[in-house]
Amino acid sequence: MTGTDLHAARILIVDDEQANIDLLVGCIQDEGYEDFATTRDPEAVAALFQEYGPDLVLLDLHMPRLDGFAVLEQLRRYVSPDEFLPVLVLTADASRATKERALSCGATDFLTKPLGITEVLLRIGNLLHTRQLHVDQRLARRRAEDTERRASLLAEASRVLASSFDHQTTLAMLCRAMVPGIADYCVVDVLQADGTIVRPGFSHVDPAIEPLLRETAHAQPSVLPADHPVVVALREGRRTLAQEITPGMVSAVTGSHEHRQLLARLRPRSLITVPIVASGPILGALVLVYSDSGRRYAAEDLELARELGRRAATTIENAQLFDQAHRATRARDEMLGMVAHDLRNPLSTIMMGSEMLIDSSLDDAQRRFVELVRRAAGRMQELIQDLLEARQIESGQLRVSPQAQPVGPLVAEAVAMLTPLAAGRGIGLRAVLDDGLRPALVDGARLLQVLSNLVGNALKFTPAGGSVEIGCIPLGEELRLVVSDTGPGIPPEQIPHVFGRYWQAAKGDRRGIGLGLSIVRGIVEAHGGRVWVESSVGSGARFYFTVPAQPVGAEAMLADAQPLPLLVVN
């Protein structure tokens, strides 16, 4: 019985009287039912039921050797709890006790003889319709369960695939994620540049059999047949579904007696092979096999396997890109580190020579040129120091020595150091700190470096007539410092990038190499703090960072931790 065609239902008639069988057969044939089976032997019902698989049973009760109650008990053993198999009892025994007993033994409905043909056909139609509803409901439930299982499997596969950037490890872990959910055993084969096929990943539901999967890879011929499922996937990118594997299929893809024996021990019964491919070249073949579990693959499993292969390929491609980018970054950093190290000595010589010349008897014009050389060399030394510190941060070798010290003097020193630069650009620079701030647990020199980089960055983008301000407030067990400016602000799409290494808002900007804010982040995080920026176009930028405060009661406030007076440069 499929769909809504109830007349395609299979009906089993059990009655020891041939006349009753003939009557029922004639009635159901006249109604359009064509698929039926009959028996007068109640002892044959169990075997016939398993062979025929009826949708409805018409059952007499009082029969020789085995009555209808015993037949009902037998049928109950063959019907799963979630299945609805209607049984219509037809009997001459009209007693209430008989009816209750039949219904308690598993009968669905009950009619007494002599039978009214119209009533019998009505009951048959109603019971078959109810069975169809149950069948549809069970199919819908199974589809929902299959959908949930596939979604769960894809989610687990995605989690496994994202857990490693090493593609060999990824392929091995993918195989383990497939077993036993969608395979009794799973292998991944990869085509090498020399044409050979290697097996980096495999898994079996029985760990004791896993060595056989490695042995089959070693035993298979170096050149597989062109129609081998793995070859079809690796060379042509096509999928293979073998719902039922026959001995002939196994013989066709094995090249030696040893290989054939190993496959026989694995007992493949159903197979899917898909290419591991996304947007690039084919990276491998994913082979899923059902063996002794009795399960078989269907078309929907092929689509699931294809998606698994695509996700695996995407993960591997991303891992390869990450590895390439990492190696390129490492090579760049090593080159920059060597260049920076090699330039320090000649730049030191230039600095010393220019300072000696300035102190000598030069006229004003000569002195100005020498001062330009000295300042340029000083700027180059700063850039080199940035490169070296960026490498330290990247490698986790940046060292800080936190000590309890008041923030006020450190901020005052930063303001004093940067005031000439701000004045030269016509920008106001001031600091405003809350009263009674606890000392900070910081490396003083590093904190000065953070403030210098942030203020220097603000001065670089703030136009003449603008202002830059340093502030600090207590925030729980931390101190929050801020450097704000009245510059043009930062577009939203640039904010996620401002702390990136070598990133600059404008291409071709020669005012730095894009390391200052990256170094700020590295130093702040080395102190256990956080750094972020808030800005919108036209309203300036506010760079915040936190540093740990000295715990209350750890030490008396330092005597010189006085509020910093307002400093303004016009």
Protein backbone atom coordinates (compact mmCIF):
# COMPACT_ATOMS: atom_id res chain seq x y z
CA MET A 1 0.00 0.00 0.00
CA THR A 2 1.61 3.24 -1.17
CA GLY A 3 0.39 6.81 -1.05
CA THR A 4 -3.41 7.11 -0.89
CA ASP A 5 -4.17 4.09 -3.13
CA LEU A 6 -5.91 1.90 -0.55
CA HIS A 7 -6.92 -0.63 -3.19
CA ALA A 8 -3.24 -1.56 -3.54
CA ALA A 9 -3.29 -2.88 0.04
CA ARG A 10 -2.31 -6.46 0.79
CA ILE A 11 -5.06 -8.37 2.61
CA LEU A 12 -4.54 -11.71 4.36
CA ILE A 13 -7.70 -13.85 4.91
CA VAL A 14 -7.54 -16.62 7.54
CA ASP A 15 -10.56 -18.94 7.88
CA ASP A 16 -10.89 -22.73 8.07
CA GLU A 17 -14.10 -22.65 5.96
CA GLN A 18 -13.46 -22.32 2.21
CA ALA A 19 -16.96 -20.94 1.66
CA ASN A 20 -16.20 -18.00 3.95
CA ILE A 21 -12.93 -17.36 2.13
CA ASP A 22 -14.65 -17.41 -1.26
CA LEU A 23 -17.31 -14.99 -0.03
CA LEU A 24 -14.73 -12.52 1.29
CA VAL A 25 -12.55 -12.79 -1.82
CA GLY A 26 -15.52 -12.08 -4.07
CA CYS A 27 -16.51 -9.05 -2.00
CA ILE A 28 -13.11 -7.44 -1.89
CA GLN A 29 -12.48 -8.11 -5.58
CA ASP A 30 -15.76 -6.45 -6.49
CA GLU A 31 -14.63 -3.45 -4.40
CA GLY A 32 -11.36 -3.20 -6.37
CA TYR A 33 -8.90 -4.90 -4.03
CA GLU A 34 -6.58 -7.15 -6.08
CA ASP A 35 -3.72 -8.08 -3.77
CA PHE A 36 -4.76 -10.73 -1.26
CA ALA A 37 -3.63 -14.06 0.17
CA THR A 38 -5.69 -16.77 1.86
CA THR A 39 -5.12 -19.76 4.10
CA ARG A 40 -7.30 -22.33 5.87
CA ASP A 41 -4.44 -23.48 8.06
CA PRO A 42 -3.96 -21.32 11.18
CA GLU A 43 -0.57 -22.93 11.81
CA ALA A 44 0.69 -21.49 8.50
CA VAL A 45 -0.28 -17.92 9.35
CA ALA A 46 3.02 -16.91 11.01
CA ALA A 47 5.17 -17.94 8.04
CA LEU A 48 2.73 -16.48 5.52
CA PHE A 49 2.57 -13.23 7.48
CA GLN A 50 6.35 -12.81 7.38
CA GLU A 51 6.54 -13.67 3.69
CA TYR A 52 3.53 -11.68 2.51
CA GLY A 53 3.64 -8.62 4.81
CA PRO A 54 -0.09 -7.81 4.81
CA ASP A 55 -1.64 -4.39 5.48
CA LEU A 56 -4.80 -5.97 6.92
CA VAL A 57 -5.71 -9.38 8.38
CA LEU A 58 -9.27 -10.81 8.26
CA LEU A 59 -9.27 -13.51 10.94
CA ASP A 60 -11.69 -16.20 12.03
CA LEU A 61 -11.54 -17.17 15.71
CA HIS A 62 -12.71 -20.74 16.10
CA MET A 63 -10.47 -22.98 14.00
CA PRO A 64 -9.05 -26.48 14.58
CA ARG A 65 -5.53 -27.06 16.00
CA LEU A 66 -4.89 -23.32 16.58
CA ASP A 67 -7.62 -20.85 17.37
CA GLY A 68 -7.69 -17.18 16.41
CA PHE A 69 -6.58 -16.04 19.88
CA ALA A 70 -3.32 -17.97 19.52
CA VAL A 71 -2.86 -16.54 16.02
CA LEU A 72 -3.27 -13.02 17.44
CA GLU A 73 -0.58 -13.74 20.04
CA GLN A 74 1.76 -14.95 17.27
CA LEU A 75 1.17 -11.87 15.12
CA ARG A 76 1.89 -9.58 18.06
CA ARG A 77 5.47 -10.90 18.15
CA TYR A 78 6.05 -9.87 14.53
CA VAL A 79 4.62 -6.36 14.72
CA SER A 80 6.81 -3.58 16.14
CA PRO A 81 5.32 -1.34 18.85
CA ASP A 82 5.31 1.72 16.57
CA GLU A 83 3.49 -0.12 13.75
CA PHE A 84 -0.27 -0.24 13.32
CA LEU A 85 -1.44 -3.54 11.77
CA PRO A 86 -5.25 -3.76 11.72
CA VAL A 87 -6.85 -7.16 12.40
CA LEU A 88 -10.59 -7.52 11.74
CA VAL A 89 -12.04 -10.53 13.56
CA LEU A 90 -14.94 -12.25 11.77
CA THR A 91 -16.67 -14.88 13.94
CA ALA A 92 -20.01 -16.47 14.69
CA ASP A 93 -19.31 -16.15 18.42
CA ALA A 94 -21.15 -12.99 19.45
CA SER A 95 -20.49 -13.19 23.20
CA ARG A 96 -19.20 -10.14 24.99
CA ALA A 97 -16.38 -12.16 26.62
CA THR A 98 -15.14 -13.35 23.23
CA LYS A 99 -15.11 -9.84 21.82
CA GLU A 100 -13.22 -8.44 24.84
CA ARG A 101 -10.71 -11.29 24.73
CA ALA A 102 -10.08 -10.81 20.99
CA LEU A 103 -9.56 -7.07 21.38
CA SER A 104 -7.22 -7.60 24.36
CA CYS A 105 -5.16 -10.07 22.28
CA GLY A 106 -4.54 -7.48 19.58
CA ALA A 107 -7.60 -7.42 17.33
CA THR A 108 -8.51 -3.97 16.04
CA ASP A 109 -12.19 -4.52 15.17
CA PHE A 110 -14.84 -7.22 15.59
CA LEU A 111 -17.76 -8.36 13.40
CA THR A 112 -20.12 -11.32 13.95
CA LYS A 113 -21.43 -13.74 11.35
CA PRO A 114 -23.54 -13.83 9.32
CA LEU A 115 -21.69 -10.96 7.70
CA GLY A 116 -23.23 -7.93 6.07
CA ILE A 117 -21.16 -7.25 2.97
CA THR A 118 -21.63 -3.48 3.12
CA GLU A 119 -20.52 -3.38 6.76
CA VAL A 120 -17.48 -5.59 6.06
CA LEU A 121 -16.33 -3.38 3.20
CA LEU A 122 -16.89 -0.25 5.29
CA ARG A 123 -14.79 -1.64 8.14
CA ILE A 124 -12.06 -2.76 5.70
CA GLY A 125 -11.91 0.73 4.16
CA ASN A 126 -11.78 2.46 7.56
CA LEU A 127 -9.05 0.15 8.89
CA LEU A 128 -6.90 0.54 5.77
CA HIS A 129 -7.32 4.32 5.86
CA THR A 130 -6.22 4.38 9.51
CA ARG A 131 -3.23 2.19 8.67
CA GLN A 132 -2.27 4.57 5.87
CA LEU A 133 -2.37 7.49 8.30
CA HIS A 134 -0.10 5.59 10.69
CA VAL A 135 2.28 4.69 7.86
CA ASP A 136 2.45 8.31 6.68
CA GLN A 137 3.03 9.51 10.24
CA ARG A 138 5.80 6.98 10.80
CA LEU A 139 7.48 7.93 7.52
CA ALA A 140 7.30 11.62 8.44
CA ARG A 141 8.80 10.87 11.83
CA ARG A 142 11.60 8.84 10.27
CA ARG A 143 12.32 11.61 7.78
CA ALA A 144 12.49 14.12 10.62
CA GLU A 145 14.77 11.81 12.59
CA ASP A 146 16.96 11.26 9.52
CA THR A 147 17.13 15.01 8.92
CA GLU A 148 18.09 15.59 12.54
CA ARG A 149 20.67 12.80 12.38
CA ARG A 150 22.22 14.24 9.23
CA ALA A 151 22.27 17.74 10.68
CA SER A 152 23.89 16.42 13.86
CA LEU A 153 26.44 14.47 11.83
CA LEU A 154 27.30 17.52 9.71
CA ALA A 155 27.64 19.66 12.84
CA GLU A 156 29.95 17.11 14.46
CA ALA A 157 31.96 16.77 11.25
CA SER A 158 32.31 20.56 11.06
CA ARG A 159 33.48 20.67 14.67
CA VAL A 160 36.03 17.92 14.02
CA LEU A 161 37.23 19.51 10.79
CA ALA A 162 37.74 22.87 12.51
CA SER A 163 39.77 21.38 15.36
CA SER A 164 43.08 21.15 13.49
CA PHE A 165 44.99 23.06 10.79
CA ASP A 166 46.92 19.93 9.83
CA HIS A 167 45.07 18.32 6.93
CA GLN A 168 46.43 14.83 7.63
CA THR A 169 45.01 15.03 11.15
CA THR A 170 41.80 16.50 9.75
CA LEU A 171 41.25 13.56 7.39
CA ALA A 172 41.96 10.99 10.10
CA MET A 173 39.55 12.68 12.50
CA LEU A 174 36.88 12.93 9.80
CA CYS A 175 36.94 9.14 9.36
CA ARG A 176 36.41 8.63 13.08
CA ALA A 177 33.49 11.06 13.08
CA MET A 178 31.73 8.99 10.39
CA VAL A 179 31.76 5.72 12.37
CA PRO A 180 29.29 4.35 13.38
CA GLY A 181 26.81 7.14 12.55
CA ILE A 182 26.91 6.79 8.77
CA ALA A 183 29.36 3.94 8.18
CA ASP A 184 30.60 0.67 9.64
CA TYR A 185 34.00 1.68 8.33
CA CYS A 186 35.38 4.70 6.53
CA VAL A 187 38.61 5.46 4.66
CA VAL A 188 40.10 8.48 2.93
CA ASP A 189 42.38 7.91 -0.05
CA VAL A 190 44.57 10.65 -1.53
CA LEU A 191 46.20 10.75 -4.96
CA GLN A 192 49.89 11.66 -4.81
CA ALA A 193 51.78 13.65 -7.44
CA ASP A 194 53.45 10.44 -8.71
CA GLY A 195 50.06 8.79 -9.31
CA THR A 196 50.13 6.51 -6.27
CA ILE A 197 47.24 6.41 -3.78
CA VAL A 198 47.87 6.73 -0.04
CA ARG A 199 45.44 6.34 2.87
CA PRO A 200 45.95 9.04 5.54
CA GLY A 201 42.68 8.30 7.37
CA PHE A 202 40.63 5.22 8.26
CA SER A 203 38.30 4.02 11.01
CA HIS A 204 36.28 0.85 11.74
CA VAL A 205 33.44 0.28 14.17
CA ASP A 206 35.53 -2.60 15.54
CA PRO A 207 38.99 -1.23 16.44
CA ALA A 208 40.46 -4.72 16.21
CA ILE A 209 39.72 -4.75 12.46
CA GLU A 210 41.25 -1.33 11.73
CA PRO A 211 44.68 -2.80 10.81
CA LEU A 212 42.94 -4.53 7.88
CA LEU A 213 42.08 -1.13 6.43
CA ARG A 214 45.77 -0.21 6.38
CA GLU A 215 46.69 -3.61 4.92
CA THR A 216 44.17 -3.29 2.09
CA ALA A 217 45.76 0.04 1.12
CA HIS A 218 49.20 -1.61 1.00
CA ALA A 219 47.93 -4.69 -0.83
CA GLN A 220 45.98 -2.91 -3.58
CA PRO A 221 47.77 -2.64 -6.94
CA SER A 222 49.69 0.54 -7.76
CA VAL A 223 47.37 1.10 -10.73
CA LEU A 224 43.70 0.55 -9.95
CA PRO A 225 41.07 -0.19 -12.63
CA ALA A 226 39.61 2.89 -14.28
CA ASP A 227 36.12 2.04 -12.97
CA HIS A 228 37.28 1.60 -9.37
CA PRO A 229 35.10 3.91 -7.20
CA VAL A 230 38.17 5.59 -5.69
CA VAL A 231 39.72 6.21 -9.11
CA VAL A 232 36.41 7.56 -10.42
CA ALA A 233 36.29 10.01 -7.50
CA LEU A 234 39.96 11.04 -7.61
CA ARG A 235 40.39 11.44 -11.36
CA GLU A 236 36.89 12.36 -12.56
CA GLY A 237 35.30 13.87 -9.46
CA ARG A 238 32.26 11.59 -9.75
CA ARG A 239 30.29 9.96 -6.95
CA THR A 240 29.50 6.26 -6.62
CA LEU A 241 26.56 4.60 -4.84
CA ALA A 242 26.51 0.80 -4.58
CA GLN A 243 23.41 -0.08 -2.56
CA GLU A 244 24.28 -3.77 -2.66
CA ILE A 245 27.85 -4.97 -3.24
CA THR A 246 28.08 -8.32 -5.04
CA PRO A 247 31.05 -10.72 -5.11
CA GLY A 248 31.46 -9.86 -8.78
CA MET A 249 31.89 -6.18 -7.95
CA VAL A 250 34.59 -7.02 -5.40
CA SER A 251 36.45 -9.20 -7.92
CA ALA A 252 36.31 -6.45 -10.53
CA VAL A 253 38.16 -3.92 -8.35
CA THR A 254 40.77 -6.20 -6.76
CA GLY A 255 44.06 -6.82 -8.47
CA SER A 256 45.49 -9.70 -6.47
CA HIS A 257 44.43 -12.72 -4.46
CA GLU A 258 45.77 -11.13 -1.26
CA HIS A 259 43.82 -7.93 -1.88
CA ARG A 260 40.65 -9.93 -2.58
CA GLN A 261 41.04 -11.92 0.64
CA LEU A 262 41.53 -8.78 2.72
CA LEU A 263 38.39 -7.20 1.27
CA ALA A 264 36.46 -10.40 1.93
CA ARG A 265 37.43 -10.18 5.61
CA LEU A 266 36.10 -6.61 5.72
CA ARG A 267 32.77 -7.84 4.30
CA PRO A 268 31.61 -4.71 2.43
CA ARG A 269 27.87 -4.80 1.75
CA SER A 270 26.99 -1.26 0.65
CA LEU A 271 29.24 1.63 -0.41
CA ILE A 272 29.41 5.34 -1.15
CA THR A 273 32.47 7.09 -2.59
CA VAL A 274 32.62 10.86 -3.09
CA PRO A 275 35.45 13.21 -4.08
CA ILE A 276 36.85 15.55 -1.44
CA VAL A 277 36.60 18.72 -3.47
CA ALA A 278 35.36 22.28 -3.02
CA SER A 279 36.51 25.18 -5.21
CA GLY A 280 39.98 23.85 -6.03
CA PRO A 281 41.48 20.56 -7.20
CA ILE A 282 40.29 17.16 -5.98
CA LEU A 283 42.08 16.51 -2.69
CA GLY A 284 41.00 12.93 -2.01
CA ALA A 285 38.20 10.38 -1.96
CA LEU A 286 35.91 9.70 1.01
CA VAL A 287 34.76 6.05 1.13
CA LEU A 288 31.85 5.04 3.40
CA VAL A 289 30.98 1.35 3.78
CA TYR A 290 28.25 -0.62 5.55
CA SER A 291 29.33 -4.10 6.53
CA ASP A 292 27.68 -6.31 9.15
CA SER A 293 25.18 -3.80 10.54
CA GLY A 294 22.57 -4.69 7.94
CA ARG A 295 22.20 -1.06 6.86
CA ARG A 296 22.20 0.00 3.22
CA TYR A 297 22.89 3.34 1.56
CA ALA A 298 20.25 5.31 -0.34
CA ALA A 299 20.27 8.36 -2.61
CA GLU A 300 19.87 10.79 0.30
CA ASP A 301 23.01 9.33 1.92
CA LEU A 302 24.93 10.12 -1.25
CA GLU A 303 24.00 13.80 -0.93
CA LEU A 304 25.08 13.81 2.72
CA ALA A 305 28.42 12.25 1.78
CA ARG A 306 28.91 14.84 -0.96
CA GLU A 307 28.40 17.65 1.57
CA LEU A 308 30.86 16.00 3.96
CA GLY A 309 33.44 15.79 1.19
CA ARG A 310 32.89 19.45 0.30
CA ARG A 311 33.26 20.59 3.91
CA ALA A 312 36.40 18.52 4.35
CA ALA A 313 37.90 20.03 1.19
CA THR A 314 37.02 23.57 2.29
CA THR A 315 38.68 22.96 5.66
CA ILE A 316 41.81 21.54 4.03
CA GLU A 317 42.02 24.43 1.55
CA ASN A 318 41.69 26.92 4.41
CA ALA A 319 44.36 25.07 6.37
CA GLN A 320 46.69 25.19 3.37
CA LEU A 321 46.05 28.92 2.91
CA PHE A 322 46.65 29.49 6.61
CA ASP A 323 49.90 27.54 6.43
CA GLN A 324 51.04 29.51 3.38
CA ALA A 325 50.16 32.81 5.04
CA HIS A 326 51.87 31.77 8.27
CA ARG A 327 55.05 30.77 6.45
CA ALA A 328 55.01 34.00 4.42
CA THR A 329 54.52 36.07 7.58
CA ARG A 330 57.29 34.22 9.36
CA ALA A 331 59.66 34.73 6.43
CA ARG A 332 58.77 38.43 6.30
CA ASP A 333 59.30 38.87 10.03
CA GLU A 334 62.62 37.03 9.93
CA MET A 335 63.78 39.23 7.06
CA LEU A 336 62.63 42.42 8.80
CA GLY A 337 64.27 41.28 12.03
CA MET A 338 67.60 40.69 10.30
CA VAL A 339 67.41 44.00 8.44
CA ALA A 340 66.49 45.86 11.64
CA HIS A 341 69.32 44.21 13.56
CA ASP A 342 71.89 44.92 10.83
CA LEU A 343 70.86 48.58 10.53
CA ARG A 344 71.22 49.44 14.21
CA ASN A 345 75.02 49.72 14.21
CA PRO A 346 75.37 51.97 11.13
CA LEU A 347 72.51 54.17 12.38
CA SER A 348 74.20 54.50 15.76
CA THR A 349 77.33 55.64 13.94
CA ILE A 350 75.30 58.22 11.98
CA MET A 351 73.69 59.48 15.21
CA MET A 352 77.02 59.84 17.00
CA GLY A 353 78.63 61.51 13.98
CA SER A 354 75.80 64.01 13.57
CA GLU A 355 75.86 64.89 17.28
CA MET A 356 79.62 65.48 17.09
CA LEU A 357 79.18 67.70 14.04
CA ILE A 358 76.46 69.76 15.75
CA ASP A 359 78.84 70.40 18.63
CA SER A 360 81.59 71.51 16.24
CA SER A 361 82.07 74.90 14.63
CA LEU A 362 79.42 74.94 11.90
CA ASP A 363 77.54 77.84 10.47
CA ASP A 364 73.77 77.96 10.87
CA ALA A 365 72.96 76.46 7.48
CA GLN A 366 75.34 73.54 8.01
CA ARG A 367 73.99 73.00 11.49
CA ARG A 368 70.40 72.80 10.12
CA PHE A 369 71.39 70.14 7.59
CA VAL A 370 73.21 68.10 10.22
CA GLU A 371 70.18 68.39 12.52
CA LEU A 372 67.98 67.01 9.72
CA VAL A 373 70.33 64.03 9.38
CA ARG A 374 70.27 63.44 13.15
CA ARG A 375 66.47 63.59 13.33
CA ALA A 376 66.10 61.24 10.35
CA ALA A 377 68.49 58.76 11.94
CA GLY A 378 66.57 59.03 15.21
CA ARG A 379 63.31 58.31 13.41
CA MET A 380 64.87 55.30 11.71
CA GLN A 381 66.02 53.98 15.07
CA GLU A 382 62.46 54.31 16.39
CA LEU A 383 61.12 52.36 13.42
CA ILE A 384 63.72 49.65 13.93
CA GLN A 385 62.81 49.42 17.60
CA ASP A 386 59.15 49.04 16.60
CA LEU A 387 60.04 46.18 14.26
CA LEU A 388 62.04 44.39 16.95
CA GLU A 389 59.32 44.84 19.55
CA ALA A 390 56.64 43.65 17.14
CA ARG A 391 58.64 40.45 16.67
CA GLN A 392 58.90 40.03 20.44
CA ILE A 393 55.15 40.44 20.83
CA GLU A 394 54.44 38.01 18.00
CA SER A 395 56.70 35.35 19.51
CA GLY A 396 55.42 35.91 23.05
CA GLN A 397 58.82 37.14 24.25
CA LEU A 398 57.79 40.65 25.31
CA ARG A 399 58.71 41.08 28.96
CA VAL A 400 57.19 43.55 31.40
CA SER A 401 58.18 44.21 35.03
CA PRO A 402 55.06 45.55 36.78
CA GLN A 403 55.52 47.54 39.95
CA ALA A 404 53.11 49.61 42.00
CA GLN A 405 53.52 53.21 40.96
CA PRO A 406 51.25 56.24 40.72
CA VAL A 407 49.79 57.04 37.32
CA GLY A 408 50.01 60.82 37.69
CA PRO A 409 53.77 61.23 37.31
CA LEU A 410 53.84 58.81 34.36
CA VAL A 411 51.13 60.73 32.55
CA ALA A 412 52.86 64.03 33.39
CA GLU A 413 56.12 62.72 31.93
CA ALA A 414 54.30 61.65 28.74
CA VAL A 415 52.67 65.07 28.40
CA ALA A 416 55.98 66.88 28.98
CA MET A 417 57.72 64.66 26.41
CA LEU A 418 55.06 65.21 23.72
CA THR A 419 54.24 68.87 24.38
CA PRO A 420 56.86 70.22 21.91
CA LEU A 421 55.47 67.98 19.14
CA ALA A 422 51.91 69.08 19.88
CA ALA A 423 52.88 72.77 20.08
CA GLY A 424 54.72 72.52 16.77
CA ARG A 425 51.50 71.34 15.12
CA GLY A 426 49.24 73.86 16.85
CA ILE A 427 47.39 71.18 18.82
CA GLY A 428 46.34 71.41 22.47
CA LEU A 429 47.53 68.60 24.75
CA ARG A 430 46.30 68.15 28.29
CA ALA A 431 45.73 65.49 30.95
CA VAL A 432 42.73 65.21 33.28
CA LEU A 433 42.88 62.56 36.02
CA ASP A 434 40.42 61.64 38.76
CA ASP A 435 41.43 62.39 42.33
CA GLY A 436 42.62 59.61 44.64
CA LEU A 437 43.62 57.09 42.00
CA ARG A 438 45.18 53.92 43.32
CA PRO A 439 48.69 53.13 42.07
CA ALA A 440 48.86 51.01 38.96
CA LEU A 441 50.74 47.70 38.71
CA VAL A 442 52.66 48.53 35.55
CA ASP A 443 56.05 48.62 33.95
CA GLY A 444 56.57 52.39 33.94
CA ALA A 445 58.69 52.50 30.81
CA ARG A 446 56.19 50.37 28.90
CA LEU A 447 53.26 52.51 30.05
CA LEU A 448 55.09 55.59 28.78
CA GLN A 449 55.56 53.81 25.47
CA VAL A 450 51.81 53.07 25.25
CA LEU A 451 50.91 56.68 25.99
CA SER A 452 53.54 57.97 23.58
CA ASN A 453 52.24 55.74 20.76
CA LEU A 454 48.59 56.64 21.38
CA VAL A 455 49.21 60.38 21.73
CA GLY A 456 51.57 60.35 18.75
CA ASN A 457 48.87 58.61 16.69
CA ALA A 458 46.29 61.19 17.81
CA LEU A 459 48.58 64.09 16.94
CA LYS A 460 49.18 62.58 13.51
CA PHE A 461 45.48 62.72 12.60
CA THR A 462 44.31 65.79 14.53
CA PRO A 463 44.30 69.04 12.50
CA ALA A 464 45.82 72.31 13.75
CA GLY A 465 43.60 73.98 16.31
CA GLY A 466 42.36 70.64 17.63
CA SER A 467 43.10 69.02 20.97
CA VAL A 468 44.27 65.73 22.47
CA GLU A 469 43.43 64.71 26.03
CA ILE A 470 44.69 61.96 28.37
CA GLY A 471 42.29 60.78 31.09
CA CYS A 472 42.21 58.10 33.77
CA ILE A 473 39.44 56.80 36.05
CA PRO A 474 39.19 53.85 38.48
CA LEU A 475 37.23 50.85 37.19
CA GLY A 476 36.91 48.11 39.81
CA GLU A 477 40.28 46.45 40.22
CA GLU A 478 41.61 48.25 37.15
CA LEU A 479 42.43 51.74 36.00
CA ARG A 480 41.01 52.82 32.66
CA LEU A 481 43.06 55.32 30.68
CA VAL A 482 41.87 57.07 27.54
CA VAL A 483 43.53 59.16 24.85
CA SER A 484 40.91 61.17 22.95
CA ASP A 485 41.28 63.58 20.06
CA THR A 486 39.21 65.95 17.93
CA GLY A 487 40.39 64.52 14.64
CA PRO A 488 38.22 63.31 11.73
CA GLY A 489 37.29 60.01 13.42
CA ILE A 490 37.57 56.45 12.13
CA PRO A 491 35.10 54.89 9.65
CA PRO A 492 33.27 51.85 11.12
CA GLU A 493 34.76 49.44 8.57
CA GLN A 494 38.30 50.39 9.64
CA ILE A 495 37.85 50.00 13.40
CA PRO A 496 38.40 46.19 13.44
CA HIS A 497 41.78 46.69 11.73
CA VAL A 498 43.38 49.56 13.63
CA PHE A 499 45.36 47.31 16.00
CA GLY A 500 46.58 45.04 13.20
CA ARG A 501 50.25 44.79 12.35
CA TYR A 502 51.40 46.88 9.37
CA TRP A 503 47.86 48.16 8.83
CA GLN A 504 47.38 51.78 7.80
CA ALA A 505 44.18 53.64 7.07
CA ALA A 506 45.53 55.19 3.87
CA LYS A 507 47.72 53.38 1.39
CA GLY A 508 50.96 55.18 0.77
CA ASP A 509 50.95 56.87 4.20
CA ARG A 510 54.63 57.43 4.98
CA ARG A 511 54.16 58.68 8.55
CA GLY A 512 54.80 55.22 9.97
CA ILE A 513 54.80 51.51 9.18
CA GLY A 514 51.60 50.57 10.98
CA LEU A 515 53.11 49.01 14.10
CA GLY A 516 52.44 51.61 16.79
CA LEU A 517 48.93 50.50 17.74
CA SER A 518 49.86 46.83 17.39
CA ILE A 519 52.65 47.39 19.92
CA VAL A 520 50.19 49.19 22.20
CA ARG A 521 47.93 46.15 22.18
CA GLY A 522 50.84 43.80 22.86
CA ILE A 523 52.08 45.83 25.84
CA VAL A 524 48.60 46.30 27.34
CA GLU A 525 47.77 42.60 27.00
CA ALA A 526 51.14 41.68 28.53
CA HIS A 527 49.93 43.61 31.61
CA GLY A 528 46.68 41.63 31.60
CA GLY A 529 44.68 44.61 30.35
CA ARG A 530 42.41 45.34 27.40
CA VAL A 531 42.55 47.96 24.66
CA TRP A 532 39.82 49.19 22.32
CA VAL A 533 38.73 52.20 20.32
CA GLU A 534 35.44 54.06 20.04
CA SER A 535 34.95 56.46 17.17
CA SER A 536 32.63 57.71 14.49
CA VAL A 537 33.36 59.84 11.46
CA GLY A 538 33.48 63.53 12.34
CA SER A 539 33.61 63.09 16.14
CA GLY A 540 37.23 62.18 16.80
CA ALA A 541 38.55 58.95 18.32
CA ARG A 542 38.88 57.64 21.88
CA PHE A 543 41.45 54.93 22.53
CA TYR A 544 40.84 53.16 25.86
CA PHE A 545 43.07 50.72 27.71
CA THR A 546 43.07 49.18 31.16
CA VAL A 547 45.88 48.24 33.53
CA PRO A 548 45.63 46.47 36.90
CA ALA A 549 45.39 48.66 40.00
CA GLN A 550 47.25 47.92 43.21
CA PRO A 551 44.92 45.91 45.51
CA VAL A 552 43.34 47.89 48.31
CA GLY A 553 45.33 47.51 51.53
CA ALA A 554 48.38 46.06 49.82
CA GLU A 555 50.34 49.22 50.50
CA ALA A 556 49.64 52.81 51.53
CA MET A 557 49.15 55.19 48.66
CA LEU A 558 52.44 56.63 47.55
CA ALA A 559 53.13 60.06 48.94
CA ASP A 560 53.71 61.64 45.57
CA ALA A 561 50.52 60.26 44.00
CA GLN A 562 48.94 63.72 43.78
CA PRO A 563 46.35 64.75 41.19
CA LEU A 564 48.03 65.98 38.04
CA PRO A 565 47.40 69.66 37.44
CA LEU A 566 45.73 70.60 34.18
CA LEU A 567 48.33 70.96 31.44
CA VAL A 568 47.32 72.86 28.32
CA VAL A 569 49.46 73.61 25.28
CA ASN A 570 48.06 76.34 23.05
